[in-house]
Amino acid sequence: MKYAWIERHRKHWPVSLACEVLGVSPSGYHEYKVRSAKPRRNISDDALLVHIRAVHAEARGEYGWPRVWKELLARGIRVGKDRVQRLMRLHGIKARSKRKFVVTTDSRHDLPVAPNLLARDFTPSAPDRVWSSDITYIATDEGWLYLAAVPPASE
């Protein structure tokens, strides 16, 4: 309060005299000026939570607090990492855990197995005599996709 009065009246009174009369140090006044010149970047927890949720959603839930914090800093939102960690924990915002590897091949069964007609002889006697194909599984956000590859018919 005293520093603000000095700031308003410094055109009429020397800073050193005003500080002496008000019982404050000139260095304290100058520190006040430096602090007040810096833009305040305090953001409420509610506003920060909106930014945290936005970053988390844009990363499709893959970011934990360290990457969310770094992204907030990159966007110009100055905030401490402990605060980001605390807010994310309080509101249950977590990174998605990695999916467990699922084995899709089961060779230990008593079902009939097709015979190997090629016996690793990949030189057919004529076109369209030997065909081969393969199948694979692709994990997606919506579930498993099955991809079967079959070469085109020769002409």
N, C-alpha and C. Protein backbone atom coordinates (compact mmCIF):
# COMPACT_ATOMS: atom_id res chain seq x y z
N MET A 1 0.83 -1.20 0.00
CA MET A 1 0.00 0.00 0.00
C MET A 1 0.86 1.25 0.00
N LYS A 2 1.92 1.23 0.83
CA LYS A 2 2.80 2.39 0.89
C LYS A 2 3.55 2.55 -0.43
N TYR A 3 3.96 1.41 -1.02
CA TYR A 3 4.70 1.49 -2.28
C TYR A 3 3.83 2.07 -3.39
N ALA A 4 2.56 1.71 -3.38
CA ALA A 4 1.65 2.25 -4.40
C ALA A 4 1.50 3.76 -4.23
N TRP A 5 1.48 4.25 -2.98
CA TRP A 5 1.38 5.70 -2.74
C TRP A 5 2.63 6.39 -3.29
N ILE A 6 3.80 5.81 -3.02
CA ILE A 6 5.05 6.39 -3.53
C ILE A 6 5.01 6.43 -5.05
N GLU A 7 4.53 5.37 -5.68
CA GLU A 7 4.46 5.30 -7.14
C GLU A 7 3.57 6.40 -7.70
N ARG A 8 2.44 6.65 -7.04
CA ARG A 8 1.52 7.70 -7.51
C ARG A 8 2.08 9.11 -7.32
N HIS A 9 2.90 9.32 -6.30
CA HIS A 9 3.35 10.67 -5.96
C HIS A 9 4.83 10.92 -6.23
N ARG A 10 5.49 10.06 -6.93
CA ARG A 10 6.93 10.23 -7.10
C ARG A 10 7.30 11.39 -8.01
N LYS A 11 6.34 11.92 -8.77
CA LYS A 11 6.62 13.11 -9.58
C LYS A 11 6.77 14.35 -8.70
N HIS A 12 6.11 14.33 -7.56
CA HIS A 12 6.13 15.49 -6.68
C HIS A 12 7.14 15.36 -5.55
N TRP A 13 7.47 14.13 -5.17
CA TRP A 13 8.38 13.91 -4.05
C TRP A 13 9.50 12.96 -4.47
N PRO A 14 10.71 13.18 -4.01
CA PRO A 14 11.77 12.21 -4.30
C PRO A 14 11.46 10.87 -3.63
N VAL A 15 11.83 9.80 -4.30
CA VAL A 15 11.54 8.46 -3.79
C VAL A 15 12.21 8.25 -2.43
N SER A 16 13.44 8.70 -2.29
CA SER A 16 14.15 8.48 -1.02
C SER A 16 13.46 9.19 0.14
N LEU A 17 12.94 10.43 -0.10
CA LEU A 17 12.25 11.18 0.95
C LEU A 17 10.92 10.49 1.29
N ALA A 18 10.16 10.08 0.27
CA ALA A 18 8.88 9.42 0.51
C ALA A 18 9.08 8.10 1.28
N CYS A 19 10.11 7.35 0.93
CA CYS A 19 10.40 6.09 1.64
C CYS A 19 10.75 6.37 3.09
N GLU A 20 11.52 7.41 3.33
CA GLU A 20 11.92 7.75 4.70
C GLU A 20 10.70 8.14 5.52
N VAL A 21 9.83 8.96 4.97
CA VAL A 21 8.63 9.42 5.68
C VAL A 21 7.69 8.26 5.97
N LEU A 22 7.54 7.36 5.02
CA LEU A 22 6.62 6.23 5.18
C LEU A 22 7.25 5.06 5.93
N GLY A 23 8.55 5.11 6.17
CA GLY A 23 9.22 4.07 6.95
C GLY A 23 9.47 2.78 6.17
N VAL A 24 9.73 2.91 4.88
CA VAL A 24 10.06 1.75 4.05
C VAL A 24 11.41 1.99 3.39
N SER A 25 12.04 0.93 2.94
CA SER A 25 13.36 1.08 2.32
C SER A 25 13.22 1.39 0.84
N PRO A 26 14.12 2.20 0.30
CA PRO A 26 14.10 2.46 -1.14
C PRO A 26 14.30 1.18 -1.96
N SER A 27 15.15 0.28 -1.47
CA SER A 27 15.35 -0.98 -2.22
C SER A 27 14.06 -1.80 -2.26
N GLY A 28 13.28 -1.75 -1.18
CA GLY A 28 11.99 -2.44 -1.17
C GLY A 28 11.04 -1.85 -2.20
N TYR A 29 11.07 -0.51 -2.32
CA TYR A 29 10.22 0.16 -3.33
C TYR A 29 10.63 -0.27 -4.73
N HIS A 30 11.93 -0.29 -5.00
CA HIS A 30 12.39 -0.66 -6.35
C HIS A 30 12.10 -2.13 -6.66
N GLU A 31 12.17 -2.98 -5.65
CA GLU A 31 11.80 -4.39 -5.84
C GLU A 31 10.30 -4.50 -6.16
N TYR A 32 9.50 -3.68 -5.49
CA TYR A 32 8.06 -3.64 -5.76
C TYR A 32 7.80 -3.25 -7.21
N LYS A 33 8.54 -2.26 -7.70
CA LYS A 33 8.38 -1.81 -9.10
C LYS A 33 8.70 -2.93 -10.07
N VAL A 34 9.79 -3.66 -9.81
CA VAL A 34 10.18 -4.76 -10.70
C VAL A 34 9.12 -5.85 -10.70
N ARG A 35 8.63 -6.20 -9.50
CA ARG A 35 7.59 -7.25 -9.40
C ARG A 35 6.31 -6.83 -10.09
N SER A 36 5.92 -5.58 -9.94
CA SER A 36 4.65 -5.14 -10.53
C SER A 36 4.75 -4.96 -12.04
N ALA A 37 5.97 -4.80 -12.55
CA ALA A 37 6.14 -4.65 -14.00
C ALA A 37 5.98 -5.98 -14.72
N LYS A 38 6.26 -7.09 -14.04
CA LYS A 38 6.12 -8.41 -14.66
C LYS A 38 4.64 -8.76 -14.77
N PRO A 39 4.25 -9.33 -15.90
CA PRO A 39 2.85 -9.72 -16.02
C PRO A 39 2.54 -10.88 -15.08
N ARG A 40 1.41 -10.81 -14.42
CA ARG A 40 1.00 -11.89 -13.52
C ARG A 40 0.38 -12.99 -14.36
N ARG A 41 0.82 -14.17 -14.13
CA ARG A 41 0.34 -15.29 -14.93
C ARG A 41 -0.40 -16.30 -14.07
N ASN A 42 -0.90 -15.87 -12.96
CA ASN A 42 -1.64 -16.81 -12.11
C ASN A 42 -2.93 -17.21 -12.82
N ILE A 43 -3.23 -18.46 -12.75
CA ILE A 43 -4.43 -18.99 -13.39
C ILE A 43 -5.14 -19.84 -12.34
N SER A 44 -6.44 -19.75 -12.33
CA SER A 44 -7.20 -20.49 -11.33
C SER A 44 -7.12 -21.99 -11.61
N ASP A 45 -7.40 -22.78 -10.59
CA ASP A 45 -7.39 -24.24 -10.76
C ASP A 45 -8.43 -24.68 -11.78
N ASP A 46 -9.59 -24.02 -11.79
CA ASP A 46 -10.64 -24.39 -12.74
C ASP A 46 -10.21 -24.11 -14.18
N ALA A 47 -9.60 -22.94 -14.39
CA ALA A 47 -9.14 -22.61 -15.74
C ALA A 47 -8.00 -23.53 -16.17
N LEU A 48 -7.10 -23.82 -15.24
CA LEU A 48 -5.99 -24.71 -15.55
C LEU A 48 -6.50 -26.11 -15.86
N LEU A 49 -7.51 -26.56 -15.15
CA LEU A 49 -8.08 -27.88 -15.39
C LEU A 49 -8.66 -27.98 -16.80
N VAL A 50 -9.25 -26.90 -17.29
CA VAL A 50 -9.77 -26.89 -18.66
C VAL A 50 -8.63 -27.11 -19.65
N HIS A 51 -7.50 -26.42 -19.43
CA HIS A 51 -6.34 -26.58 -20.31
C HIS A 51 -5.77 -28.00 -20.20
N ILE A 52 -5.71 -28.54 -19.00
CA ILE A 52 -5.19 -29.89 -18.80
C ILE A 52 -6.05 -30.90 -19.54
N ARG A 53 -7.37 -30.77 -19.40
CA ARG A 53 -8.28 -31.69 -20.09
C ARG A 53 -8.15 -31.58 -21.60
N ALA A 54 -7.95 -30.36 -22.10
CA ALA A 54 -7.80 -30.16 -23.55
C ALA A 54 -6.54 -30.84 -24.06
N VAL A 55 -5.42 -30.64 -23.35
CA VAL A 55 -4.16 -31.28 -23.77
C VAL A 55 -4.29 -32.79 -23.70
N HIS A 56 -4.90 -33.29 -22.64
CA HIS A 56 -5.07 -34.74 -22.45
C HIS A 56 -5.95 -35.32 -23.56
N ALA A 57 -7.01 -34.60 -23.92
CA ALA A 57 -7.91 -35.09 -24.97
C ALA A 57 -7.22 -35.06 -26.34
N GLU A 58 -6.46 -34.00 -26.62
CA GLU A 58 -5.77 -33.91 -27.91
C GLU A 58 -4.74 -35.03 -28.06
N ALA A 59 -4.18 -35.49 -26.95
CA ALA A 59 -3.22 -36.59 -26.98
C ALA A 59 -3.92 -37.94 -26.88
N ARG A 60 -5.23 -37.95 -27.01
CA ARG A 60 -6.05 -39.17 -26.94
C ARG A 60 -5.79 -39.95 -25.66
N GLY A 61 -5.54 -39.23 -24.56
CA GLY A 61 -5.38 -39.86 -23.26
C GLY A 61 -4.04 -40.53 -23.06
N GLU A 62 -3.09 -40.29 -23.97
CA GLU A 62 -1.80 -40.97 -23.87
C GLU A 62 -0.80 -40.22 -23.00
N TYR A 63 -1.06 -38.94 -22.68
CA TYR A 63 -0.12 -38.15 -21.90
C TYR A 63 -0.41 -38.26 -20.41
N GLY A 64 0.64 -38.47 -19.63
CA GLY A 64 0.56 -38.38 -18.18
C GLY A 64 0.92 -36.96 -17.77
N TRP A 65 1.08 -36.72 -16.46
CA TRP A 65 1.32 -35.35 -16.00
C TRP A 65 2.62 -34.75 -16.53
N PRO A 66 3.72 -35.50 -16.72
CA PRO A 66 4.93 -34.83 -17.20
C PRO A 66 4.76 -34.24 -18.60
N ARG A 67 4.14 -35.01 -19.50
CA ARG A 67 3.98 -34.52 -20.87
C ARG A 67 2.89 -33.44 -20.94
N VAL A 68 1.86 -33.56 -20.12
CA VAL A 68 0.83 -32.51 -20.07
C VAL A 68 1.47 -31.21 -19.59
N TRP A 69 2.30 -31.29 -18.55
CA TRP A 69 2.97 -30.11 -18.01
C TRP A 69 3.86 -29.46 -19.07
N LYS A 70 4.64 -30.27 -19.79
CA LYS A 70 5.52 -29.73 -20.83
C LYS A 70 4.72 -29.09 -21.95
N GLU A 71 3.60 -29.68 -22.30
CA GLU A 71 2.75 -29.11 -23.35
C GLU A 71 2.13 -27.79 -22.90
N LEU A 72 1.74 -27.70 -21.63
CA LEU A 72 1.21 -26.44 -21.11
C LEU A 72 2.28 -25.35 -21.18
N LEU A 73 3.50 -25.68 -20.80
CA LEU A 73 4.59 -24.70 -20.89
C LEU A 73 4.82 -24.27 -22.33
N ALA A 74 4.76 -25.23 -23.25
CA ALA A 74 4.95 -24.92 -24.67
C ALA A 74 3.85 -24.00 -25.19
N ARG A 75 2.68 -24.07 -24.59
CA ARG A 75 1.57 -23.20 -25.00
C ARG A 75 1.57 -21.87 -24.27
N GLY A 76 2.58 -21.65 -23.42
CA GLY A 76 2.70 -20.37 -22.72
C GLY A 76 1.97 -20.29 -21.41
N ILE A 77 1.53 -21.41 -20.88
CA ILE A 77 0.83 -21.42 -19.60
C ILE A 77 1.86 -21.79 -18.54
N ARG A 78 2.31 -20.80 -17.78
CA ARG A 78 3.34 -21.04 -16.75
C ARG A 78 2.67 -21.60 -15.51
N VAL A 79 3.03 -22.84 -15.20
CA VAL A 79 2.43 -23.52 -14.06
C VAL A 79 3.45 -24.54 -13.55
N GLY A 80 3.40 -24.81 -12.26
CA GLY A 80 4.32 -25.77 -11.67
C GLY A 80 3.90 -27.20 -11.95
N LYS A 81 4.90 -28.08 -12.04
CA LYS A 81 4.59 -29.48 -12.35
C LYS A 81 3.84 -30.15 -11.20
N ASP A 82 4.12 -29.74 -9.97
CA ASP A 82 3.42 -30.34 -8.83
C ASP A 82 1.93 -30.00 -8.86
N ARG A 83 1.62 -28.79 -9.31
CA ARG A 83 0.22 -28.39 -9.39
C ARG A 83 -0.51 -29.19 -10.47
N VAL A 84 0.13 -29.39 -11.61
CA VAL A 84 -0.47 -30.18 -12.68
C VAL A 84 -0.69 -31.62 -12.20
N GLN A 85 0.32 -32.17 -11.54
CA GLN A 85 0.22 -33.53 -11.03
C GLN A 85 -0.92 -33.66 -10.01
N ARG A 86 -1.02 -32.68 -9.11
CA ARG A 86 -2.07 -32.72 -8.09
C ARG A 86 -3.46 -32.64 -8.71
N LEU A 87 -3.65 -31.71 -9.65
CA LEU A 87 -4.97 -31.55 -10.28
C LEU A 87 -5.36 -32.79 -11.08
N MET A 88 -4.40 -33.36 -11.79
CA MET A 88 -4.72 -34.56 -12.57
C MET A 88 -5.08 -35.72 -11.65
N ARG A 89 -4.38 -35.85 -10.54
CA ARG A 89 -4.68 -36.93 -9.60
C ARG A 89 -6.05 -36.71 -8.96
N LEU A 90 -6.36 -35.45 -8.55
CA LEU A 90 -7.65 -35.15 -7.90
C LEU A 90 -8.83 -35.44 -8.81
N HIS A 91 -8.65 -35.20 -10.12
CA HIS A 91 -9.77 -35.36 -11.05
C HIS A 91 -9.70 -36.65 -11.85
N GLY A 92 -8.80 -37.54 -11.46
CA GLY A 92 -8.75 -38.87 -12.08
C GLY A 92 -8.30 -38.86 -13.53
N ILE A 93 -7.48 -37.90 -13.91
CA ILE A 93 -6.98 -37.83 -15.28
C ILE A 93 -5.65 -38.57 -15.31
N LYS A 94 -5.63 -39.68 -16.06
CA LYS A 94 -4.44 -40.52 -16.12
C LYS A 94 -4.10 -40.83 -17.57
N ALA A 95 -2.85 -41.21 -17.78
CA ALA A 95 -2.46 -41.69 -19.10
C ALA A 95 -3.00 -43.09 -19.28
N ARG A 96 -3.40 -43.39 -20.51
CA ARG A 96 -3.82 -44.75 -20.81
C ARG A 96 -2.63 -45.67 -20.68
N SER A 97 -2.84 -46.81 -20.08
CA SER A 97 -1.73 -47.76 -19.98
C SER A 97 -1.58 -48.50 -21.30
N LYS A 98 -0.40 -49.00 -21.53
CA LYS A 98 -0.14 -49.72 -22.76
C LYS A 98 -0.95 -51.01 -22.78
N ARG A 99 -1.36 -51.38 -23.98
CA ARG A 99 -2.13 -52.61 -24.11
C ARG A 99 -1.24 -53.82 -23.92
N LYS A 100 -1.79 -54.83 -23.32
CA LYS A 100 -1.07 -56.07 -23.14
C LYS A 100 -1.01 -56.80 -24.48
N PHE A 101 0.14 -57.40 -24.76
CA PHE A 101 0.28 -58.16 -26.00
C PHE A 101 -0.62 -59.39 -25.94
N VAL A 102 -1.38 -59.59 -26.99
CA VAL A 102 -2.31 -60.71 -27.05
C VAL A 102 -1.80 -61.71 -28.08
N VAL A 103 -1.61 -62.94 -27.67
CA VAL A 103 -1.18 -63.99 -28.59
C VAL A 103 -2.39 -64.45 -29.37
N THR A 104 -2.28 -64.45 -30.70
CA THR A 104 -3.43 -64.82 -31.53
C THR A 104 -3.24 -66.17 -32.21
N THR A 105 -2.06 -66.73 -32.11
CA THR A 105 -1.80 -68.03 -32.74
C THR A 105 -1.79 -69.11 -31.67
N ASP A 106 -2.57 -70.17 -31.92
CA ASP A 106 -2.61 -71.29 -30.99
C ASP A 106 -2.29 -72.56 -31.77
N SER A 107 -1.03 -72.99 -31.71
CA SER A 107 -0.62 -74.18 -32.46
C SER A 107 -0.84 -75.46 -31.67
N ARG A 108 -1.18 -75.34 -30.41
CA ARG A 108 -1.37 -76.53 -29.57
C ARG A 108 -2.86 -76.90 -29.53
N HIS A 109 -3.27 -77.60 -30.55
CA HIS A 109 -4.66 -78.03 -30.61
C HIS A 109 -4.73 -79.38 -31.31
N ASP A 110 -5.87 -80.01 -31.20
CA ASP A 110 -6.07 -81.33 -31.81
C ASP A 110 -6.90 -81.24 -33.09
N LEU A 111 -7.05 -80.06 -33.63
CA LEU A 111 -7.83 -79.89 -34.85
C LEU A 111 -7.01 -80.33 -36.06
N PRO A 112 -7.68 -80.71 -37.15
CA PRO A 112 -6.92 -81.15 -38.34
C PRO A 112 -6.14 -79.98 -38.95
N VAL A 113 -4.95 -80.28 -39.42
CA VAL A 113 -4.09 -79.28 -40.05
C VAL A 113 -3.99 -79.60 -41.53
N ALA A 114 -4.14 -78.58 -42.37
CA ALA A 114 -4.07 -78.79 -43.81
C ALA A 114 -2.67 -79.26 -44.19
N PRO A 115 -2.57 -80.16 -45.13
CA PRO A 115 -1.25 -80.67 -45.52
C PRO A 115 -0.45 -79.60 -46.28
N ASN A 116 0.87 -79.69 -46.19
CA ASN A 116 1.75 -78.77 -46.89
C ASN A 116 1.99 -79.33 -48.29
N LEU A 117 1.22 -78.88 -49.26
CA LEU A 117 1.28 -79.43 -50.61
C LEU A 117 2.51 -78.93 -51.37
N LEU A 118 3.03 -77.79 -51.02
CA LEU A 118 4.19 -77.24 -51.73
C LEU A 118 5.49 -77.87 -51.26
N ALA A 119 5.56 -78.24 -50.02
CA ALA A 119 6.80 -78.78 -49.44
C ALA A 119 7.98 -77.86 -49.74
N ARG A 120 7.74 -76.54 -49.65
CA ARG A 120 8.73 -75.49 -49.87
C ARG A 120 9.30 -75.48 -51.29
N ASP A 121 8.57 -76.03 -52.24
CA ASP A 121 8.96 -75.95 -53.65
C ASP A 121 8.15 -74.82 -54.27
N PHE A 122 8.78 -73.64 -54.39
CA PHE A 122 8.07 -72.45 -54.84
C PHE A 122 8.27 -72.19 -56.34
N THR A 123 8.54 -73.22 -57.11
CA THR A 123 8.69 -73.07 -58.57
C THR A 123 7.59 -73.89 -59.24
N PRO A 124 6.41 -73.28 -59.44
CA PRO A 124 5.29 -74.04 -60.03
C PRO A 124 5.58 -74.39 -61.49
N SER A 125 4.95 -75.43 -61.98
CA SER A 125 5.16 -75.91 -63.36
C SER A 125 4.46 -75.04 -64.39
N ALA A 126 3.39 -74.31 -63.98
CA ALA A 126 2.65 -73.45 -64.91
C ALA A 126 1.95 -72.35 -64.12
N PRO A 127 1.51 -71.28 -64.79
CA PRO A 127 0.79 -70.21 -64.08
C PRO A 127 -0.50 -70.73 -63.46
N ASP A 128 -0.91 -70.11 -62.41
CA ASP A 128 -2.15 -70.42 -61.67
C ASP A 128 -2.18 -71.85 -61.13
N ARG A 129 -1.04 -72.45 -60.91
CA ARG A 129 -1.00 -73.79 -60.35
C ARG A 129 -0.81 -73.72 -58.82
N VAL A 130 -0.11 -72.67 -58.36
CA VAL A 130 0.19 -72.54 -56.93
C VAL A 130 -0.18 -71.12 -56.49
N TRP A 131 -0.94 -71.06 -55.42
CA TRP A 131 -1.31 -69.78 -54.83
C TRP A 131 -0.90 -69.79 -53.36
N SER A 132 -0.60 -68.59 -52.86
CA SER A 132 -0.31 -68.49 -51.42
C SER A 132 -0.96 -67.22 -50.89
N SER A 133 -1.13 -67.19 -49.60
CA SER A 133 -1.72 -66.00 -48.98
C SER A 133 -1.23 -65.93 -47.54
N ASP A 134 -1.57 -64.84 -46.88
CA ASP A 134 -1.20 -64.68 -45.48
C ASP A 134 -2.28 -63.86 -44.80
N ILE A 135 -2.33 -63.95 -43.49
CA ILE A 135 -3.30 -63.19 -42.71
C ILE A 135 -2.56 -62.61 -41.50
N THR A 136 -2.97 -61.42 -41.10
CA THR A 136 -2.40 -60.81 -39.90
C THR A 136 -3.50 -60.07 -39.16
N TYR A 137 -3.22 -59.75 -37.90
CA TYR A 137 -4.18 -59.05 -37.05
C TYR A 137 -3.61 -57.68 -36.74
N ILE A 138 -4.45 -56.66 -36.81
CA ILE A 138 -4.02 -55.30 -36.51
C ILE A 138 -4.90 -54.75 -35.39
N ALA A 139 -4.25 -54.34 -34.29
CA ALA A 139 -4.99 -53.78 -33.16
C ALA A 139 -5.32 -52.33 -33.46
N THR A 140 -6.57 -51.94 -33.29
CA THR A 140 -7.00 -50.54 -33.46
C THR A 140 -7.77 -50.12 -32.22
N ASP A 141 -8.12 -48.83 -32.15
CA ASP A 141 -8.91 -48.34 -31.02
C ASP A 141 -10.30 -48.97 -30.99
N GLU A 142 -10.78 -49.42 -32.14
CA GLU A 142 -12.12 -49.99 -32.22
C GLU A 142 -12.13 -51.51 -32.10
N GLY A 143 -10.97 -52.14 -32.01
CA GLY A 143 -10.89 -53.59 -31.90
C GLY A 143 -9.90 -54.14 -32.91
N TRP A 144 -9.93 -55.44 -33.11
CA TRP A 144 -8.99 -56.09 -34.03
C TRP A 144 -9.49 -55.99 -35.46
N LEU A 145 -8.57 -55.72 -36.37
CA LEU A 145 -8.84 -55.81 -37.80
C LEU A 145 -8.06 -56.99 -38.33
N TYR A 146 -8.62 -57.70 -39.29
CA TYR A 146 -7.98 -58.87 -39.87
C TYR A 146 -7.62 -58.52 -41.32
N LEU A 147 -6.37 -58.69 -41.67
CA LEU A 147 -5.90 -58.35 -43.02
C LEU A 147 -5.43 -59.64 -43.69
N ALA A 148 -6.04 -59.94 -44.82
CA ALA A 148 -5.63 -61.12 -45.60
C ALA A 148 -5.04 -60.63 -46.91
N ALA A 149 -3.84 -61.10 -47.25
CA ALA A 149 -3.16 -60.71 -48.49
C ALA A 149 -3.16 -61.88 -49.45
N VAL A 150 -3.69 -61.65 -50.64
CA VAL A 150 -3.72 -62.68 -51.70
C VAL A 150 -3.16 -62.01 -52.95
N PRO A 151 -2.18 -62.64 -53.61
CA PRO A 151 -1.62 -62.01 -54.82
C PRO A 151 -2.66 -61.99 -55.94
N PRO A 152 -2.52 -61.04 -56.86
CA PRO A 152 -3.48 -60.97 -57.99
C PRO A 152 -3.27 -62.15 -58.93
N ALA A 153 -4.34 -62.49 -59.64
CA ALA A 153 -4.26 -63.60 -60.61
C ALA A 153 -3.35 -63.20 -61.76
N SER A 154 -2.53 -64.14 -62.22
CA SER A 154 -1.64 -63.85 -63.35
C SER A 154 -2.41 -63.91 -64.65
N GLU A 155 -1.90 -63.22 -65.65
CA GLU A 155 -2.62 -63.18 -66.95
C GLU A 155 -1.99 -64.08 -67.95
